[in-house]
Amino acid sequence: MKYHLSLFRHAKSSWEFPLDDRLRPLNERGKDNAEKIRKEVIRQHYIPQKIFTSPAVRARTTAKIITENNDTPFPILEIVEELYTFEGNNLERFVKKMNPQYTNVFLFGHNNAITDFVNKFGDLFIPNVPTVGWVTIEFEAENWASITKGKTIRFITPSAL
């Protein structure tokens, strides 16, 4: 069976105020770049069955910009504490526990976890997934728990749009 995982690094966040890391909002550039990616997701008619996001404000806001405020119905965001991670191994553990009924998933999170994951499981080396970078990996597997090296079928950045 084919499984598709789209990983999005959160958009550029603001450091204007001294806030807890989880509470940092997006800055204007981040909002604008998330909007560019939103338009590309809609242009490609790429709608997931399930959406997971880190609880951090910057990740949740990025997910909302990309999946809301349009004519295309997206699934409701599921906020997952485990996705507030910067470690690829933690991200891998979460992905491998996903329900196999979902074969097309969007996941919003953080670096270095995103870059580490796409380089371990994709077939395209990406030195650094930039803010609001969108990477989709296709896996041929029986379920998420059994994924191995997949094929990177999409790598899109706001600067390329």
C-alpha atoms as a PDB file:
ATOM      1  CA  MET A   1       0.000   0.000   0.000  1.00  0.00           C
ATOM      2  CA  LYS A   2       1.147   3.550  -0.653  1.00  0.00           C
ATOM      3  CA  TYR A   3       1.430   5.966   2.248  1.00  0.00           C
ATOM      4  CA  HIS A   4       2.066   9.696   1.796  1.00  0.00           C
ATOM      5  CA  LEU A   5       3.474  11.881   4.557  1.00  0.00           C
ATOM      6  CA  SER A   6       3.693  15.635   4.043  1.00  0.00           C
ATOM      7  CA  LEU A   7       5.900  17.353   6.587  1.00  0.00           C
ATOM      8  CA  PHE A   8       5.721  21.113   7.064  1.00  0.00           C
ATOM      9  CA  ARG A   9       8.182  23.055   9.133  1.00  0.00           C
ATOM     10  CA  HIS A  10       6.432  25.909  10.954  1.00  0.00           C
ATOM     11  CA  ALA A  11       6.633  29.380   9.449  1.00  0.00           C
ATOM     12  CA  LYS A  12       9.056  32.068  10.614  1.00  0.00           C
ATOM     13  CA  SER A  13       8.312  33.052  14.186  1.00  0.00           C
ATOM     14  CA  SER A  14       8.634  36.335  15.996  1.00  0.00           C
ATOM     15  CA  TRP A  15      11.296  37.011  18.604  1.00  0.00           C
ATOM     16  CA  GLU A  16       9.912  40.486  19.297  1.00  0.00           C
ATOM     17  CA  PHE A  17       8.758  39.704  22.834  1.00  0.00           C
ATOM     18  CA  PRO A  18      10.348  37.558  25.538  1.00  0.00           C
ATOM     19  CA  LEU A  19       7.944  34.606  25.484  1.00  0.00           C
ATOM     20  CA  ASP A  20       8.137  30.930  26.342  1.00  0.00           C
ATOM     21  CA  ASP A  21       9.257  29.026  23.229  1.00  0.00           C
ATOM     22  CA  ARG A  22       5.850  27.357  22.837  1.00  0.00           C
ATOM     23  CA  LEU A  23       4.086  30.734  22.795  1.00  0.00           C
ATOM     24  CA  ARG A  24       6.060  32.492  20.073  1.00  0.00           C
ATOM     25  CA  PRO A  25       3.721  33.717  17.288  1.00  0.00           C
ATOM     26  CA  LEU A  26       4.485  34.001  13.598  1.00  0.00           C
ATOM     27  CA  ASN A  27       5.983  37.196  12.270  1.00  0.00           C
ATOM     28  CA  GLU A  28       4.566  38.913   9.166  1.00  0.00           C
ATOM     29  CA  ARG A  29       7.014  37.189   6.815  1.00  0.00           C
ATOM     30  CA  GLY A  30       6.000  33.854   8.319  1.00  0.00           C
ATOM     31  CA  LYS A  31       2.299  34.562   7.742  1.00  0.00           C
ATOM     32  CA  ASP A  32       2.954  35.676   4.154  1.00  0.00           C
ATOM     33  CA  ASN A  33       5.051  32.583   3.391  1.00  0.00           C
ATOM     34  CA  ALA A  34       2.474  30.253   4.946  1.00  0.00           C
ATOM     35  CA  GLU A  35      -0.120  31.863   2.680  1.00  0.00           C
ATOM     36  CA  LYS A  36       2.079  31.144  -0.367  1.00  0.00           C
ATOM     37  CA  ILE A  37       2.280  27.476   0.605  1.00  0.00           C
ATOM     38  CA  ARG A  38      -1.490  27.397   1.274  1.00  0.00           C
ATOM     39  CA  LYS A  39      -2.140  28.587  -2.271  1.00  0.00           C
ATOM     40  CA  GLU A  40       0.183  25.890  -3.624  1.00  0.00           C
ATOM     41  CA  VAL A  41      -1.501  23.142  -1.587  1.00  0.00           C
ATOM     42  CA  ILE A  42      -4.864  24.261  -3.016  1.00  0.00           C
ATOM     43  CA  ARG A  43      -3.448  24.602  -6.543  1.00  0.00           C
ATOM     44  CA  GLN A  44      -2.233  21.006  -6.357  1.00  0.00           C
ATOM     45  CA  HIS A  45      -5.570  19.841  -4.872  1.00  0.00           C
ATOM     46  CA  TYR A  46      -3.598  17.999  -2.221  1.00  0.00           C
ATOM     47  CA  ILE A  47      -5.942  17.242   0.663  1.00  0.00           C
ATOM     48  CA  PRO A  48      -4.905  14.888   3.487  1.00  0.00           C
ATOM     49  CA  GLN A  49      -7.052  12.457   5.433  1.00  0.00           C
ATOM     50  CA  LYS A  50      -5.493  13.513   8.748  1.00  0.00           C
ATOM     51  CA  ILE A  51      -3.580  16.545  10.038  1.00  0.00           C
ATOM     52  CA  PHE A  52      -1.329  16.544  13.104  1.00  0.00           C
ATOM     53  CA  THR A  53       0.406  19.584  14.569  1.00  0.00           C
ATOM     54  CA  SER A  54       2.750  20.439  17.385  1.00  0.00           C
ATOM     55  CA  PRO A  55       1.065  22.369  20.213  1.00  0.00           C
ATOM     56  CA  ALA A  56       3.491  25.294  19.770  1.00  0.00           C
ATOM     57  CA  VAL A  57       1.661  28.461  18.658  1.00  0.00           C
ATOM     58  CA  ARG A  58       3.908  28.897  15.604  1.00  0.00           C
ATOM     59  CA  ALA A  59       3.196  25.352  14.355  1.00  0.00           C
ATOM     60  CA  ARG A  60      -0.557  25.503  15.058  1.00  0.00           C
ATOM     61  CA  THR A  61      -0.846  28.886  13.361  1.00  0.00           C
ATOM     62  CA  THR A  62       1.067  27.642  10.309  1.00  0.00           C
ATOM     63  CA  ALA A  63      -1.228  24.614  10.104  1.00  0.00           C
ATOM     64  CA  LYS A  64      -4.328  26.796  10.385  1.00  0.00           C
ATOM     65  CA  ILE A  65      -3.181  29.203   7.681  1.00  0.00           C
ATOM     66  CA  ILE A  66      -2.404  26.362   5.279  1.00  0.00           C
ATOM     67  CA  THR A  67      -5.528  24.294   5.939  1.00  0.00           C
ATOM     68  CA  GLU A  68      -8.247  26.831   6.781  1.00  0.00           C
ATOM     69  CA  ASN A  69      -9.839  29.892   5.213  1.00  0.00           C
ATOM     70  CA  ASN A  70     -10.439  28.365   1.811  1.00  0.00           C
ATOM     71  CA  ASP A  71     -13.188  26.625  -0.118  1.00  0.00           C
ATOM     72  CA  THR A  72     -11.564  23.219   0.219  1.00  0.00           C
ATOM     73  CA  PRO A  73     -12.597  21.227   3.293  1.00  0.00           C
ATOM     74  CA  PHE A  74      -9.643  19.890   5.287  1.00  0.00           C
ATOM     75  CA  PRO A  75      -9.814  17.561   8.288  1.00  0.00           C
ATOM     76  CA  ILE A  76      -9.745  19.141  11.744  1.00  0.00           C
ATOM     77  CA  LEU A  77      -6.256  19.717  13.155  1.00  0.00           C
ATOM     78  CA  GLU A  78      -5.206  17.301  15.862  1.00  0.00           C
ATOM     79  CA  ILE A  79      -2.785  18.878  18.332  1.00  0.00           C
ATOM     80  CA  VAL A  80      -0.232  16.324  19.522  1.00  0.00           C
ATOM     81  CA  GLU A  81       2.146  16.987  22.405  1.00  0.00           C
ATOM     82  CA  GLU A  82       4.694  14.491  21.013  1.00  0.00           C
ATOM     83  CA  LEU A  83       5.218  16.735  17.975  1.00  0.00           C
ATOM     84  CA  TYR A  84       6.767  19.472  20.088  1.00  0.00           C
ATOM     85  CA  THR A  85      10.135  17.888  19.430  1.00  0.00           C
ATOM     86  CA  PHE A  86      13.360  18.843  17.738  1.00  0.00           C
ATOM     87  CA  GLU A  87      14.643  15.258  17.504  1.00  0.00           C
ATOM     88  CA  GLY A  88      14.157  13.136  14.381  1.00  0.00           C
ATOM     89  CA  ASN A  89      13.960   9.922  16.419  1.00  0.00           C
ATOM     90  CA  ASN A  90      10.994  11.263  18.396  1.00  0.00           C
ATOM     91  CA  LEU A  91       9.249  12.244  15.176  1.00  0.00           C
ATOM     92  CA  GLU A  92       9.945   8.792  13.728  1.00  0.00           C
ATOM     93  CA  ARG A  93       8.375   7.120  16.788  1.00  0.00           C
ATOM     94  CA  PHE A  94       5.229   9.208  16.360  1.00  0.00           C
ATOM     95  CA  VAL A  95       4.928   8.488  12.624  1.00  0.00           C
ATOM     96  CA  LYS A  96       5.406   4.757  13.104  1.00  0.00           C
ATOM     97  CA  LYS A  97       2.518   4.742  15.628  1.00  0.00           C
ATOM     98  CA  MET A  98       0.063   6.471  13.258  1.00  0.00           C
ATOM     99  CA  ASN A  99      -3.151   4.667  12.403  1.00  0.00           C
ATOM    100  CA  PRO A 100      -2.675   2.794   9.086  1.00  0.00           C
ATOM    101  CA  GLN A 101      -6.186   3.763   7.980  1.00  0.00           C
ATOM    102  CA  TYR A 102      -4.719   7.211   7.208  1.00  0.00           C
ATOM    103  CA  THR A 103      -2.654   6.866   4.051  1.00  0.00           C
ATOM    104  CA  ASN A 104      -2.255  10.595   3.382  1.00  0.00           C
ATOM    105  CA  VAL A 105      -1.164  12.690   6.375  1.00  0.00           C
ATOM    106  CA  PHE A 106      -0.039  16.287   6.948  1.00  0.00           C
ATOM    107  CA  LEU A 107       2.296  16.867   9.893  1.00  0.00           C
ATOM    108  CA  PHE A 108       3.360  20.315  11.186  1.00  0.00           C
ATOM    109  CA  GLY A 109       6.428  20.489  13.385  1.00  0.00           C
ATOM    110  CA  HIS A 110       9.919  21.749  14.065  1.00  0.00           C
ATOM    111  CA  ASN A 111      13.513  21.480  12.963  1.00  0.00           C
ATOM    112  CA  ASN A 112      15.833  19.614  13.397  1.00  0.00           C
ATOM    113  CA  ALA A 113      13.243  16.845  13.645  1.00  0.00           C
ATOM    114  CA  ILE A 114      11.768  17.550  10.191  1.00  0.00           C
ATOM    115  CA  THR A 115      15.116  17.761   8.385  1.00  0.00           C
ATOM    116  CA  ASP A 116      16.454  14.666  10.171  1.00  0.00           C
ATOM    117  CA  PHE A 117      13.316  12.684   9.316  1.00  0.00           C
ATOM    118  CA  VAL A 118      13.196  13.633   5.615  1.00  0.00           C
ATOM    119  CA  ASN A 119      16.874  12.787   5.199  1.00  0.00           C
ATOM    120  CA  LYS A 120      16.526   9.432   6.922  1.00  0.00           C
ATOM    121  CA  PHE A 121      13.358   8.370   5.092  1.00  0.00           C
ATOM    122  CA  GLY A 122      13.382  10.323   1.827  1.00  0.00           C
ATOM    123  CA  ASP A 123      15.598   9.752  -1.187  1.00  0.00           C
ATOM    124  CA  LEU A 124      16.542  13.431  -1.653  1.00  0.00           C
ATOM    125  CA  PHE A 125      19.128  14.964   0.667  1.00  0.00           C
ATOM    126  CA  ILE A 126      17.885  18.316   1.992  1.00  0.00           C
ATOM    127  CA  PRO A 127      20.530  20.103   4.108  1.00  0.00           C
ATOM    128  CA  ASN A 128      17.885  22.166   5.928  1.00  0.00           C
ATOM    129  CA  VAL A 129      14.121  22.242   5.446  1.00  0.00           C
ATOM    130  CA  PRO A 130      13.455  25.993   5.629  1.00  0.00           C
ATOM    131  CA  THR A 131      10.562  27.592   7.469  1.00  0.00           C
ATOM    132  CA  VAL A 132       7.270  26.601   5.817  1.00  0.00           C
ATOM    133  CA  GLY A 133       9.136  24.063   3.704  1.00  0.00           C
ATOM    134  CA  TRP A 134       6.793  21.337   2.418  1.00  0.00           C
ATOM    135  CA  VAL A 135       8.235  17.863   1.884  1.00  0.00           C
ATOM    136  CA  THR A 136       6.162  14.835   0.866  1.00  0.00           C
ATOM    137  CA  ILE A 137       7.548  11.325   1.082  1.00  0.00           C
ATOM    138  CA  GLU A 138       5.810   8.345  -0.485  1.00  0.00           C
ATOM    139  CA  PHE A 139       6.223   4.969   1.202  1.00  0.00           C
ATOM    140  CA  GLU A 140       5.411   1.499  -0.058  1.00  0.00           C
ATOM    141  CA  ALA A 141       4.554  -0.328   3.178  1.00  0.00           C
ATOM    142  CA  GLU A 142       1.990  -2.493   4.936  1.00  0.00           C
ATOM    143  CA  ASN A 143       1.469   0.185   7.594  1.00  0.00           C
ATOM    144  CA  TRP A 144       3.222   3.187   9.133  1.00  0.00           C
ATOM    145  CA  ALA A 145       5.087   0.955  11.585  1.00  0.00           C
ATOM    146  CA  SER A 146       6.838  -0.820   8.716  1.00  0.00           C
ATOM    147  CA  ILE A 147       8.009   2.200   6.707  1.00  0.00           C
ATOM    148  CA  THR A 148      11.577   2.226   5.451  1.00  0.00           C
ATOM    149  CA  LYS A 149      13.273   4.427   2.860  1.00  0.00           C
ATOM    150  CA  GLY A 150      10.654   6.159   0.746  1.00  0.00           C
ATOM    151  CA  LYS A 151      10.617   8.413  -2.292  1.00  0.00           C
ATOM    152  CA  THR A 152      10.662  12.192  -1.878  1.00  0.00           C
ATOM    153  CA  ILE A 153       7.952  13.308  -4.287  1.00  0.00           C
ATOM    154  CA  ARG A 154       7.679  16.959  -3.253  1.00  0.00           C
ATOM    155  CA  PHE A 155       9.973  19.626  -1.837  1.00  0.00           C
ATOM    156  CA  ILE A 156       8.511  23.121  -2.050  1.00  0.00           C
ATOM    157  CA  THR A 157       9.660  26.289  -0.345  1.00  0.00           C
ATOM    158  CA  PRO A 158       8.055  29.737  -0.294  1.00  0.00           C
ATOM    159  CA  SER A 159      11.063  31.209  -2.103  1.00  0.00           C
ATOM    160  CA  ALA A 160      10.443  28.828  -5.027  1.00  0.00           C
ATOM    161  CA  LEU A 161       6.882  30.104  -5.496  1.00  0.00           C
END
